[in-house]
């Protein structure tokens, strides 16, 4: 089930893997704006010269400080693009994807923090989609579907999506050995299983207990 909360991770919950969206894809909007700023700066001198020539032709008819207005507009556009680019970069930096030993977590937002998650036992299907640009930069979108409630979360522009999908599949199967330095001891596993509520125990274990009765 997908959920949203503002609480910290549970005491026994560990972050096993963490990543951000691919920089070149996730921050492509900011990169495009930077390119536009460079082009405006490069051609600004030519634009101002054209405005000065045009002003000489119309100065006898209309008293308009055309050069000053054009210069002001150019600087205003550059300023807005710089602010917008910084915002895009901050948004990229505040997008985090985490795999814990319980769930997949997506954290986004700067002013308004937003956290969405889905537990491994609720995951029914995982799809990967890649555009041509994402294939070039070895990234893609991972769409995770959960249960009969038709909930889903999307990890956008994830680096090496196939690797991340394999990690999620391993965690669904309960394989933590690729994430921890030492596997849990049998006594710890047995103790943890005993203390778990029945609803959180594996289906096979619950059925076996039912037939024992």
N, C-alpha and C. Protein backbone atom coordinates (compact mmCIF):
# COMPACT_ATOMS: atom_id res chain seq x y z
N UNK A 1 0.84 -1.20 0.00
CA UNK A 1 0.00 0.00 0.00
C UNK A 1 0.87 1.24 0.00
N UNK A 2 0.51 2.20 -0.80
CA UNK A 2 1.25 3.44 -0.82
C UNK A 2 0.74 4.34 0.28
N UNK A 3 1.65 5.08 0.90
CA UNK A 3 1.23 5.98 1.97
C UNK A 3 2.06 7.23 1.96
N UNK A 4 1.64 8.18 2.76
CA UNK A 4 2.37 9.44 2.90
C UNK A 4 2.44 9.77 4.38
N UNK A 5 3.63 10.10 4.85
CA UNK A 5 3.74 10.49 6.24
C UNK A 5 4.92 11.43 6.41
N UNK A 6 5.00 12.04 7.56
CA UNK A 6 6.09 12.96 7.86
C UNK A 6 6.92 12.45 9.03
N UNK A 7 6.79 11.15 9.36
CA UNK A 7 7.50 10.59 10.49
C UNK A 7 8.87 10.10 10.07
N UNK A 8 9.74 9.90 11.06
CA UNK A 8 11.05 9.34 10.79
C UNK A 8 10.91 7.84 10.56
N UNK A 9 12.00 7.22 10.16
CA UNK A 9 11.98 5.78 9.93
C UNK A 9 11.84 5.04 11.26
N UNK A 10 11.26 3.84 11.17
CA UNK A 10 11.09 3.02 12.35
C UNK A 10 12.45 2.65 12.93
N UNK A 11 12.44 2.23 14.20
CA UNK A 11 13.69 1.91 14.88
C UNK A 11 14.46 0.81 14.17
N UNK A 12 13.75 -0.22 13.69
CA UNK A 12 14.39 -1.36 13.05
C UNK A 12 14.56 -1.17 11.54
N UNK A 13 14.14 -0.03 11.04
CA UNK A 13 14.22 0.21 9.59
C UNK A 13 15.58 0.79 9.23
N UNK A 14 16.19 0.21 8.19
CA UNK A 14 17.51 0.65 7.74
C UNK A 14 17.43 1.07 6.27
N UNK A 15 18.14 2.13 5.94
CA UNK A 15 18.26 2.56 4.54
C UNK A 15 19.35 1.71 3.90
N UNK A 16 18.95 0.87 2.94
CA UNK A 16 19.88 -0.05 2.29
C UNK A 16 20.47 0.52 1.00
N UNK A 17 19.73 1.42 0.36
CA UNK A 17 20.19 2.01 -0.90
C UNK A 17 19.54 3.37 -1.07
N UNK A 18 20.31 4.32 -1.59
CA UNK A 18 19.78 5.67 -1.80
C UNK A 18 20.36 6.25 -3.08
N UNK A 19 19.53 6.94 -3.85
CA UNK A 19 20.00 7.57 -5.08
C UNK A 19 19.13 8.78 -5.39
N UNK A 20 19.57 9.56 -6.37
CA UNK A 20 18.82 10.72 -6.86
C UNK A 20 18.54 10.50 -8.34
N UNK A 21 17.64 11.31 -8.92
CA UNK A 21 17.45 11.24 -10.37
C UNK A 21 18.76 11.56 -11.10
N UNK A 22 18.92 10.97 -12.28
CA UNK A 22 20.09 11.26 -13.10
C UNK A 22 20.21 12.77 -13.30
N UNK A 23 21.41 13.32 -13.07
CA UNK A 23 21.58 14.77 -13.08
C UNK A 23 21.25 15.37 -14.44
N UNK A 24 21.78 14.78 -15.51
CA UNK A 24 21.61 15.37 -16.84
C UNK A 24 20.17 15.29 -17.32
N UNK A 25 19.42 14.26 -16.87
CA UNK A 25 18.02 14.14 -17.25
C UNK A 25 17.13 14.89 -16.25
N UNK A 26 17.39 14.70 -14.96
CA UNK A 26 16.56 15.34 -13.94
C UNK A 26 16.68 16.85 -13.93
N UNK A 27 17.87 17.35 -14.26
CA UNK A 27 18.10 18.80 -14.25
C UNK A 27 18.20 19.36 -15.66
N UNK A 28 17.63 18.64 -16.64
CA UNK A 28 17.75 19.09 -18.03
C UNK A 28 17.08 20.44 -18.25
N UNK A 29 16.00 20.71 -17.51
CA UNK A 29 15.33 22.00 -17.64
C UNK A 29 16.27 23.14 -17.25
N UNK A 30 17.02 22.93 -16.16
CA UNK A 30 17.98 23.95 -15.73
C UNK A 30 19.11 24.09 -16.75
N UNK A 31 19.56 22.98 -17.31
CA UNK A 31 20.65 23.02 -18.29
C UNK A 31 20.21 23.76 -19.56
N UNK A 32 18.97 23.54 -19.97
CA UNK A 32 18.45 24.25 -21.15
C UNK A 32 18.41 25.75 -20.89
N UNK A 33 18.00 26.13 -19.70
CA UNK A 33 17.94 27.56 -19.36
C UNK A 33 19.33 28.18 -19.34
N UNK A 34 20.31 27.42 -18.85
CA UNK A 34 21.68 27.93 -18.84
C UNK A 34 22.17 28.16 -20.27
N UNK A 35 21.84 27.25 -21.17
CA UNK A 35 22.22 27.41 -22.58
C UNK A 35 21.56 28.65 -23.17
N UNK A 36 20.28 28.86 -22.85
CA UNK A 36 19.57 30.05 -23.34
C UNK A 36 20.22 31.32 -22.81
N UNK A 37 20.62 31.31 -21.53
CA UNK A 37 21.29 32.48 -20.94
C UNK A 37 22.59 32.79 -21.68
N UNK A 38 23.36 31.74 -21.98
CA UNK A 38 24.63 31.93 -22.70
C UNK A 38 24.39 32.53 -24.08
N UNK A 39 23.35 32.03 -24.77
CA UNK A 39 23.03 32.56 -26.10
C UNK A 39 22.59 34.02 -26.03
N UNK A 40 21.78 34.35 -25.02
CA UNK A 40 21.33 35.74 -24.87
C UNK A 40 22.52 36.66 -24.60
N UNK A 41 23.43 36.23 -23.72
CA UNK A 41 24.61 37.04 -23.43
C UNK A 41 25.48 37.20 -24.67
N UNK A 42 25.58 36.13 -25.46
CA UNK A 42 26.43 36.17 -26.66
C UNK A 42 25.88 37.15 -27.70
N UNK A 43 24.55 37.15 -27.86
CA UNK A 43 23.93 37.99 -28.89
C UNK A 43 23.41 39.32 -28.34
N UNK A 44 23.57 39.57 -27.04
CA UNK A 44 23.02 40.79 -26.45
C UNK A 44 23.63 42.05 -27.06
N UNK A 45 24.94 42.02 -27.33
CA UNK A 45 25.59 43.18 -27.94
C UNK A 45 25.00 43.50 -29.30
N UNK A 46 24.79 42.47 -30.11
CA UNK A 46 24.19 42.67 -31.44
C UNK A 46 22.78 43.20 -31.34
N UNK A 47 22.00 42.66 -30.39
CA UNK A 47 20.61 43.10 -30.21
C UNK A 47 20.57 44.57 -29.80
N UNK A 48 21.45 44.96 -28.89
CA UNK A 48 21.47 46.36 -28.43
C UNK A 48 21.90 47.29 -29.56
N UNK A 49 22.85 46.87 -30.40
CA UNK A 49 23.26 47.68 -31.55
C UNK A 49 22.11 47.87 -32.53
N UNK A 50 21.34 46.81 -32.78
CA UNK A 50 20.18 46.92 -33.66
C UNK A 50 19.14 47.87 -33.07
N UNK A 51 18.96 47.79 -31.74
CA UNK A 51 18.02 48.70 -31.08
C UNK A 51 18.48 50.15 -31.21
N UNK A 52 19.79 50.37 -31.12
CA UNK A 52 20.33 51.74 -31.25
C UNK A 52 20.10 52.28 -32.66
N UNK A 53 20.31 51.45 -33.68
CA UNK A 53 20.07 51.89 -35.06
C UNK A 53 18.60 52.19 -35.29
N UNK A 54 17.75 51.32 -34.76
CA UNK A 54 16.31 51.54 -34.92
C UNK A 54 15.88 52.81 -34.22
N UNK A 55 16.48 53.09 -33.07
CA UNK A 55 16.14 54.30 -32.33
C UNK A 55 16.52 55.55 -33.11
N UNK A 56 17.64 55.50 -33.84
CA UNK A 56 18.07 56.65 -34.65
C UNK A 56 17.07 56.96 -35.75
N UNK A 57 16.40 55.91 -36.28
CA UNK A 57 15.43 56.13 -37.35
C UNK A 57 14.12 56.73 -36.82
N UNK A 58 13.73 56.31 -35.61
CA UNK A 58 12.41 56.73 -35.12
C UNK A 58 12.49 57.86 -34.10
N UNK A 59 13.71 58.33 -33.79
CA UNK A 59 13.84 59.33 -32.73
C UNK A 59 13.17 60.65 -33.09
N UNK A 60 13.11 60.95 -34.40
CA UNK A 60 12.47 62.19 -34.82
C UNK A 60 10.96 62.11 -34.71
N UNK A 61 10.42 60.89 -34.74
CA UNK A 61 8.96 60.73 -34.68
C UNK A 61 8.48 60.45 -33.26
N UNK A 62 9.17 59.58 -32.57
CA UNK A 62 8.73 59.18 -31.23
C UNK A 62 9.93 59.24 -30.29
N UNK A 63 9.73 59.86 -29.17
CA UNK A 63 10.79 59.94 -28.16
C UNK A 63 10.73 58.70 -27.25
N UNK A 64 11.40 57.63 -27.67
CA UNK A 64 11.41 56.39 -26.90
C UNK A 64 12.86 55.98 -26.62
N UNK A 65 13.22 55.78 -25.35
CA UNK A 65 14.58 55.30 -25.03
C UNK A 65 14.70 53.81 -25.34
N UNK A 66 14.72 53.49 -26.62
CA UNK A 66 14.64 52.09 -27.05
C UNK A 66 15.81 51.26 -26.54
N UNK A 67 17.01 51.80 -26.61
CA UNK A 67 18.20 51.05 -26.17
C UNK A 67 18.09 50.69 -24.69
N UNK A 68 17.67 51.66 -23.88
CA UNK A 68 17.54 51.41 -22.44
C UNK A 68 16.50 50.33 -22.16
N UNK A 69 15.37 50.40 -22.89
CA UNK A 69 14.31 49.41 -22.68
C UNK A 69 14.76 48.01 -23.10
N UNK A 70 15.42 47.91 -24.24
CA UNK A 70 15.90 46.60 -24.71
C UNK A 70 16.92 46.02 -23.74
N UNK A 71 17.84 46.87 -23.27
CA UNK A 71 18.85 46.40 -22.30
C UNK A 71 18.19 45.92 -21.02
N UNK A 72 17.19 46.68 -20.54
CA UNK A 72 16.49 46.29 -19.32
C UNK A 72 15.76 44.96 -19.49
N UNK A 73 15.12 44.77 -20.64
CA UNK A 73 14.39 43.52 -20.90
C UNK A 73 15.35 42.33 -20.94
N UNK A 74 16.52 42.52 -21.58
CA UNK A 74 17.51 41.44 -21.66
C UNK A 74 17.97 41.03 -20.26
N UNK A 75 18.30 42.03 -19.43
CA UNK A 75 18.75 41.72 -18.07
C UNK A 75 17.65 41.07 -17.24
N UNK A 76 16.41 41.50 -17.46
CA UNK A 76 15.29 40.92 -16.72
C UNK A 76 15.08 39.46 -17.10
N UNK A 77 15.17 39.16 -18.40
CA UNK A 77 15.02 37.78 -18.87
C UNK A 77 16.13 36.90 -18.28
N UNK A 78 17.36 37.41 -18.30
CA UNK A 78 18.49 36.64 -17.76
C UNK A 78 18.29 36.39 -16.27
N UNK A 79 17.84 37.40 -15.54
CA UNK A 79 17.62 37.26 -14.10
C UNK A 79 16.57 36.18 -13.81
N UNK A 80 15.45 36.22 -14.54
CA UNK A 80 14.39 35.24 -14.33
C UNK A 80 14.86 33.82 -14.67
N UNK A 81 15.64 33.70 -15.75
CA UNK A 81 16.14 32.38 -16.13
C UNK A 81 17.12 31.83 -15.09
N UNK A 82 17.94 32.71 -14.51
CA UNK A 82 18.88 32.28 -13.47
C UNK A 82 18.12 31.77 -12.25
N UNK A 83 17.11 32.54 -11.81
CA UNK A 83 16.31 32.13 -10.65
C UNK A 83 15.61 30.80 -10.92
N UNK A 84 15.05 30.66 -12.12
CA UNK A 84 14.34 29.44 -12.49
C UNK A 84 15.29 28.24 -12.53
N UNK A 85 16.50 28.46 -13.05
CA UNK A 85 17.49 27.38 -13.11
C UNK A 85 17.91 26.93 -11.71
N UNK A 86 18.11 27.90 -10.82
CA UNK A 86 18.48 27.57 -9.44
C UNK A 86 17.37 26.76 -8.78
N UNK A 87 16.12 27.14 -9.03
CA UNK A 87 14.98 26.41 -8.46
C UNK A 87 14.95 24.98 -8.97
N UNK A 88 15.19 24.79 -10.28
CA UNK A 88 15.22 23.44 -10.85
C UNK A 88 16.31 22.58 -10.21
N UNK A 89 17.49 23.17 -10.00
CA UNK A 89 18.59 22.43 -9.39
C UNK A 89 18.29 22.07 -7.94
N UNK A 90 17.67 22.99 -7.21
CA UNK A 90 17.32 22.71 -5.82
C UNK A 90 16.26 21.60 -5.76
N UNK A 91 15.29 21.65 -6.68
CA UNK A 91 14.26 20.60 -6.72
C UNK A 91 14.87 19.25 -7.02
N UNK A 92 15.84 19.21 -7.95
CA UNK A 92 16.53 17.95 -8.24
C UNK A 92 17.28 17.44 -7.01
N UNK A 93 17.96 18.34 -6.32
CA UNK A 93 18.75 17.95 -5.15
C UNK A 93 17.88 17.45 -4.01
N UNK A 94 16.62 17.89 -3.96
CA UNK A 94 15.72 17.49 -2.88
C UNK A 94 14.83 16.31 -3.25
N UNK A 95 15.11 15.67 -4.37
CA UNK A 95 14.40 14.45 -4.75
C UNK A 95 15.29 13.26 -4.43
N UNK A 96 14.82 12.38 -3.55
CA UNK A 96 15.62 11.25 -3.07
C UNK A 96 14.80 9.98 -3.16
N UNK A 97 15.43 8.92 -3.67
CA UNK A 97 14.82 7.60 -3.72
C UNK A 97 15.58 6.69 -2.76
N UNK A 98 14.84 5.99 -1.89
CA UNK A 98 15.48 5.11 -0.90
C UNK A 98 14.82 3.74 -0.91
N UNK A 99 15.67 2.73 -0.74
CA UNK A 99 15.20 1.37 -0.49
C UNK A 99 15.59 1.02 0.93
N UNK A 100 14.60 0.77 1.78
CA UNK A 100 14.88 0.33 3.14
C UNK A 100 14.59 -1.17 3.22
N UNK A 101 14.77 -1.74 4.40
CA UNK A 101 14.47 -3.16 4.55
C UNK A 101 12.97 -3.43 4.66
N UNK A 102 12.13 -2.37 4.60
CA UNK A 102 10.68 -2.54 4.66
C UNK A 102 9.95 -2.03 3.42
N UNK A 103 10.48 -0.98 2.78
CA UNK A 103 9.68 -0.30 1.76
C UNK A 103 10.54 0.51 0.79
N UNK A 104 9.88 0.95 -0.30
CA UNK A 104 10.47 1.89 -1.25
C UNK A 104 9.94 3.27 -0.88
N UNK A 105 10.84 4.24 -0.76
CA UNK A 105 10.46 5.58 -0.30
C UNK A 105 10.89 6.62 -1.35
N UNK A 106 9.98 7.54 -1.65
CA UNK A 106 10.27 8.66 -2.54
C UNK A 106 10.05 9.95 -1.77
N UNK A 107 11.10 10.76 -1.66
CA UNK A 107 11.01 12.04 -0.95
C UNK A 107 11.23 13.17 -1.94
N UNK A 108 10.33 14.14 -1.90
CA UNK A 108 10.42 15.30 -2.80
C UNK A 108 10.04 16.55 -2.04
N UNK A 109 10.37 17.69 -2.65
CA UNK A 109 9.89 18.96 -2.12
C UNK A 109 10.93 19.74 -1.37
N UNK A 110 10.85 21.06 -1.50
CA UNK A 110 11.73 21.97 -0.78
C UNK A 110 10.95 22.72 0.28
N UNK A 111 9.94 23.45 -0.14
CA UNK A 111 9.11 24.20 0.82
C UNK A 111 8.11 23.27 1.49
N UNK A 112 7.43 22.48 0.66
CA UNK A 112 6.48 21.50 1.18
C UNK A 112 7.05 20.10 0.97
N UNK A 113 7.49 19.48 2.04
CA UNK A 113 8.08 18.16 1.98
C UNK A 113 7.00 17.11 1.71
N UNK A 114 7.31 16.16 0.85
CA UNK A 114 6.36 15.12 0.50
C UNK A 114 7.08 13.78 0.47
N UNK A 115 6.54 12.79 1.17
CA UNK A 115 7.15 11.45 1.19
C UNK A 115 6.09 10.42 0.85
N UNK A 116 6.33 9.64 -0.20
CA UNK A 116 5.45 8.55 -0.59
C UNK A 116 6.21 7.24 -0.46
N UNK A 117 5.51 6.17 -0.09
CA UNK A 117 6.19 4.89 0.08
C UNK A 117 5.25 3.74 -0.24
N UNK A 118 5.84 2.59 -0.49
CA UNK A 118 5.08 1.37 -0.70
C UNK A 118 5.86 0.21 -0.10
N UNK A 119 5.20 -0.62 0.70
CA UNK A 119 5.86 -1.76 1.33
C UNK A 119 6.07 -2.88 0.32
N UNK A 120 7.13 -3.64 0.52
CA UNK A 120 7.49 -4.68 -0.45
C UNK A 120 6.39 -5.73 -0.60
N UNK A 121 5.73 -6.09 0.52
CA UNK A 121 4.72 -7.14 0.43
C UNK A 121 3.48 -6.70 -0.34
N UNK A 122 3.35 -5.39 -0.59
CA UNK A 122 2.21 -4.87 -1.33
C UNK A 122 2.50 -4.71 -2.82
N UNK A 123 3.76 -4.85 -3.22
CA UNK A 123 4.14 -4.63 -4.62
C UNK A 123 3.66 -5.81 -5.47
N UNK A 124 2.93 -5.50 -6.54
CA UNK A 124 2.41 -6.51 -7.46
C UNK A 124 3.14 -6.53 -8.79
N UNK A 125 3.62 -5.38 -9.23
CA UNK A 125 4.26 -5.33 -10.55
C UNK A 125 5.22 -4.14 -10.60
N UNK A 126 6.25 -4.28 -11.44
CA UNK A 126 7.24 -3.21 -11.64
C UNK A 126 7.47 -3.05 -13.13
N UNK A 127 7.35 -1.83 -13.62
CA UNK A 127 7.60 -1.54 -15.03
C UNK A 127 8.71 -0.51 -15.17
N UNK A 128 9.53 -0.69 -16.21
CA UNK A 128 10.60 0.27 -16.52
C UNK A 128 10.33 0.86 -17.89
N UNK A 129 10.41 2.17 -18.00
CA UNK A 129 10.27 2.85 -19.29
C UNK A 129 11.46 3.78 -19.49
N UNK A 130 11.94 3.84 -20.74
CA UNK A 130 13.10 4.67 -21.07
C UNK A 130 12.88 5.39 -22.39
N UNK A 131 13.16 6.68 -22.39
CA UNK A 131 13.18 7.43 -23.64
C UNK A 131 14.56 7.27 -24.28
N UNK A 132 14.70 7.78 -25.48
CA UNK A 132 16.00 7.69 -26.16
C UNK A 132 17.08 8.42 -25.36
N UNK A 133 16.73 9.60 -24.85
CA UNK A 133 17.69 10.37 -24.06
C UNK A 133 18.06 9.64 -22.78
N UNK A 134 17.07 9.00 -22.15
CA UNK A 134 17.34 8.26 -20.91
C UNK A 134 18.24 7.06 -21.18
N UNK A 135 18.06 6.40 -22.32
CA UNK A 135 18.94 5.28 -22.66
C UNK A 135 20.38 5.74 -22.85
N UNK A 136 20.55 6.92 -23.45
CA UNK A 136 21.90 7.45 -23.66
C UNK A 136 22.60 7.67 -22.32
N UNK A 137 21.85 8.17 -21.33
CA UNK A 137 22.44 8.48 -20.03
C UNK A 137 22.20 7.37 -18.99
N UNK A 138 21.81 6.18 -19.46
CA UNK A 138 21.63 5.00 -18.58
C UNK A 138 20.70 5.30 -17.41
N UNK A 139 19.54 5.84 -17.73
CA UNK A 139 18.54 6.13 -16.70
C UNK A 139 17.16 5.74 -17.23
N UNK A 140 16.16 5.82 -16.37
CA UNK A 140 14.81 5.47 -16.77
C UNK A 140 13.83 5.66 -15.64
N UNK A 141 12.55 5.47 -15.93
CA UNK A 141 11.49 5.60 -14.93
C UNK A 141 11.07 4.21 -14.46
N UNK A 142 10.98 4.05 -13.15
CA UNK A 142 10.51 2.80 -12.56
C UNK A 142 9.13 3.04 -11.97
N UNK A 143 8.14 2.34 -12.49
CA UNK A 143 6.76 2.48 -12.03
C UNK A 143 6.41 1.24 -11.20
N UNK A 144 6.04 1.46 -9.95
CA UNK A 144 5.76 0.37 -9.02
C UNK A 144 4.27 0.36 -8.71
N UNK A 145 3.62 -0.78 -8.97
CA UNK A 145 2.19 -0.92 -8.72
C UNK A 145 1.97 -1.75 -7.46
N UNK A 146 0.97 -1.34 -6.68
CA UNK A 146 0.73 -2.04 -5.43
C UNK A 146 -0.69 -2.49 -5.23
N UNK A 147 -0.90 -3.81 -5.23
CA UNK A 147 -2.14 -4.42 -4.75
C UNK A 147 -3.40 -4.06 -5.50
N UNK A 148 -4.52 -4.50 -4.90
CA UNK A 148 -5.83 -4.30 -5.50
C UNK A 148 -6.29 -2.86 -5.41
N UNK A 149 -5.62 -2.05 -4.62
CA UNK A 149 -6.01 -0.65 -4.48
C UNK A 149 -5.52 0.19 -5.65
N UNK A 150 -4.76 -0.43 -6.56
CA UNK A 150 -4.25 0.23 -7.76
C UNK A 150 -3.43 1.47 -7.42
N UNK A 151 -2.69 1.39 -6.33
CA UNK A 151 -1.79 2.48 -5.97
C UNK A 151 -0.46 2.28 -6.70
N UNK A 152 0.27 3.36 -6.86
CA UNK A 152 1.56 3.27 -7.54
C UNK A 152 2.43 4.44 -7.14
N UNK A 153 3.73 4.24 -7.25
CA UNK A 153 4.69 5.33 -7.13
C UNK A 153 5.65 5.23 -8.30
N UNK A 154 6.23 6.36 -8.68
CA UNK A 154 7.13 6.41 -9.83
C UNK A 154 8.46 7.00 -9.39
N UNK A 155 9.53 6.28 -9.70
CA UNK A 155 10.88 6.77 -9.49
C UNK A 155 11.37 7.28 -10.84
N UNK A 156 11.37 8.59 -11.01
CA UNK A 156 11.67 9.19 -12.31
C UNK A 156 13.17 9.39 -12.51
N UNK A 157 13.62 9.08 -13.73
CA UNK A 157 15.01 9.33 -14.14
C UNK A 157 16.02 8.65 -13.20
N UNK A 158 15.72 7.42 -12.82
CA UNK A 158 16.61 6.68 -11.92
C UNK A 158 17.85 6.21 -12.68
N UNK A 159 19.06 6.44 -12.16
CA UNK A 159 20.26 5.88 -12.80
C UNK A 159 20.23 4.36 -12.73
N UNK A 160 20.70 3.71 -13.79
CA UNK A 160 20.74 2.24 -13.91
C UNK A 160 19.45 1.60 -13.38
N UNK A 161 18.32 1.83 -14.06
CA UNK A 161 17.03 1.33 -13.55
C UNK A 161 16.96 -0.19 -13.43
N UNK A 162 17.64 -0.92 -14.33
CA UNK A 162 17.63 -2.38 -14.25
C UNK A 162 18.24 -2.86 -12.93
N UNK A 163 19.32 -2.22 -12.53
CA UNK A 163 19.98 -2.58 -11.27
C UNK A 163 19.06 -2.31 -10.09
N UNK A 164 18.39 -1.16 -10.11
CA UNK A 164 17.48 -0.81 -9.01
C UNK A 164 16.29 -1.77 -8.97
N UNK A 165 15.78 -2.14 -10.15
CA UNK A 165 14.67 -3.10 -10.19
C UNK A 165 15.09 -4.44 -9.58
N UNK A 166 16.30 -4.89 -9.89
CA UNK A 166 16.79 -6.15 -9.32
C UNK A 166 16.91 -6.05 -7.80
N UNK A 167 17.34 -4.90 -7.30
CA UNK A 167 17.42 -4.70 -5.85
C UNK A 167 16.04 -4.82 -5.22
N UNK A 168 15.05 -4.18 -5.84
CA UNK A 168 13.69 -4.22 -5.30
C UNK A 168 13.16 -5.65 -5.30
N UNK A 169 13.40 -6.39 -6.40
CA UNK A 169 12.95 -7.78 -6.47
C UNK A 169 13.62 -8.63 -5.39
N UNK A 170 14.91 -8.39 -5.15
CA UNK A 170 15.60 -9.13 -4.09
C UNK A 170 14.98 -8.84 -2.73
N UNK A 171 14.65 -7.58 -2.49
CA UNK A 171 14.08 -7.20 -1.20
C UNK A 171 12.65 -7.74 -1.05
N UNK A 172 11.92 -7.84 -2.16
CA UNK A 172 10.59 -8.45 -2.11
C UNK A 172 10.70 -9.91 -1.68
N UNK A 173 11.75 -10.58 -2.17
CA UNK A 173 11.97 -11.99 -1.81
C UNK A 173 12.61 -12.14 -0.43
N UNK A 174 12.97 -11.02 0.20
CA UNK A 174 13.57 -11.08 1.52
C UNK A 174 15.06 -11.33 1.51
N UNK A 175 15.72 -11.07 0.37
CA UNK A 175 17.16 -11.28 0.26
C UNK A 175 17.87 -9.97 0.59
N UNK A 176 18.46 -9.90 1.81
CA UNK A 176 19.15 -8.69 2.25
C UNK A 176 20.67 -8.83 2.16
N UNK A 177 21.15 -10.00 1.74
CA UNK A 177 22.58 -10.27 1.86
C UNK A 177 23.42 -9.37 0.97
N UNK A 178 22.85 -8.88 -0.11
CA UNK A 178 23.60 -7.99 -0.98
C UNK A 178 23.70 -6.57 -0.46
N UNK A 179 23.00 -6.28 0.64
CA UNK A 179 22.94 -4.92 1.16
C UNK A 179 23.65 -4.77 2.50
N UNK A 180 23.78 -5.86 3.25
CA UNK A 180 24.36 -5.79 4.58
C UNK A 180 25.71 -6.50 4.60
N UNK A 181 26.61 -6.00 5.45
CA UNK A 181 27.93 -6.61 5.57
C UNK A 181 27.84 -8.03 6.12
N UNK A 182 26.94 -8.24 7.06
CA UNK A 182 26.79 -9.55 7.67
C UNK A 182 25.32 -9.94 7.64
N UNK A 183 25.02 -11.19 7.23
CA UNK A 183 23.62 -11.63 7.24
C UNK A 183 23.12 -11.77 8.66
N UNK A 184 21.81 -11.61 8.91
CA UNK A 184 21.28 -11.75 10.25
C UNK A 184 21.44 -13.17 10.76
N UNK A 185 21.68 -13.30 12.06
CA UNK A 185 21.84 -14.61 12.67
C UNK A 185 20.49 -15.30 12.78
N UNK A 186 20.52 -16.63 12.83
CA UNK A 186 19.28 -17.40 12.87
C UNK A 186 18.46 -17.07 14.11
N UNK A 187 19.16 -16.88 15.25
CA UNK A 187 18.45 -16.55 16.48
C UNK A 187 17.71 -15.23 16.35
N UNK A 188 18.37 -14.26 15.67
CA UNK A 188 17.74 -12.95 15.49
C UNK A 188 16.52 -13.07 14.60
N UNK A 189 16.65 -13.87 13.52
CA UNK A 189 15.52 -14.05 12.61
C UNK A 189 14.36 -14.71 13.34
N UNK A 190 14.67 -15.76 14.15
CA UNK A 190 13.62 -16.48 14.88
C UNK A 190 12.94 -15.57 15.89
N UNK A 191 13.75 -14.78 16.61
CA UNK A 191 13.19 -13.87 17.61
C UNK A 191 12.33 -12.81 16.95
N UNK A 192 12.79 -12.29 15.80
CA UNK A 192 12.02 -11.24 15.11
C UNK A 192 10.71 -11.80 14.60
N UNK A 193 10.73 -13.05 14.10
CA UNK A 193 9.52 -13.67 13.58
C UNK A 193 8.50 -13.89 14.69
N UNK A 194 8.99 -14.30 15.88
CA UNK A 194 8.09 -14.55 17.00
C UNK A 194 7.41 -13.28 17.47
N UNK A 195 8.16 -12.17 17.42
CA UNK A 195 7.61 -10.92 17.93
C UNK A 195 6.76 -10.19 16.91
N UNK A 196 6.78 -10.65 15.65
CA UNK A 196 5.99 -9.98 14.62
C UNK A 196 4.51 -10.28 14.80
N UNK A 197 3.64 -9.31 14.54
CA UNK A 197 2.20 -9.61 14.50
C UNK A 197 1.90 -10.61 13.39
N UNK A 198 0.83 -11.36 13.53
CA UNK A 198 0.50 -12.39 12.54
C UNK A 198 0.30 -11.80 11.16
N UNK A 199 -0.25 -10.59 11.10
CA UNK A 199 -0.53 -9.98 9.80
C UNK A 199 0.73 -9.67 9.03
N UNK A 200 1.90 -9.55 9.74
CA UNK A 200 3.15 -9.22 9.07
C UNK A 200 4.01 -10.44 8.79
N UNK A 201 3.57 -11.64 9.26
CA UNK A 201 4.34 -12.85 9.01
C UNK A 201 4.08 -13.36 7.60
N UNK A 202 5.01 -14.15 7.05
CA UNK A 202 4.80 -14.71 5.71
C UNK A 202 3.52 -15.52 5.63
N UNK A 203 2.92 -15.56 4.44
CA UNK A 203 1.65 -16.26 4.25
C UNK A 203 1.80 -17.75 4.55
N UNK A 204 2.93 -18.35 4.11
CA UNK A 204 3.14 -19.78 4.32
C UNK A 204 3.19 -20.11 5.80
N UNK A 205 3.81 -19.22 6.59
CA UNK A 205 3.91 -19.46 8.03
C UNK A 205 2.54 -19.38 8.68
N UNK A 206 1.73 -18.41 8.26
CA UNK A 206 0.40 -18.27 8.86
C UNK A 206 -0.47 -19.48 8.53
N UNK A 207 -0.34 -19.99 7.29
CA UNK A 207 -1.12 -21.16 6.90
C UNK A 207 -0.68 -22.40 7.69
N UNK A 208 0.64 -22.55 7.88
CA UNK A 208 1.13 -23.72 8.61
C UNK A 208 0.64 -23.70 10.05
N UNK A 209 0.59 -22.51 10.67
CA UNK A 209 0.08 -22.41 12.04
C UNK A 209 -1.40 -22.76 12.09
N UNK A 210 -2.11 -22.37 11.03
CA UNK A 210 -3.55 -22.63 10.99
C UNK A 210 -3.83 -24.13 10.93
N UNK A 211 -3.03 -24.86 10.10
CA UNK A 211 -3.25 -26.30 9.97
C UNK A 211 -2.79 -27.07 11.20
N UNK A 212 -1.80 -26.52 11.93
CA UNK A 212 -1.34 -27.18 13.15
C UNK A 212 -2.45 -27.23 14.19
N UNK A 213 -3.28 -26.19 14.18
CA UNK A 213 -4.38 -26.15 15.12
C UNK A 213 -5.41 -27.22 14.79
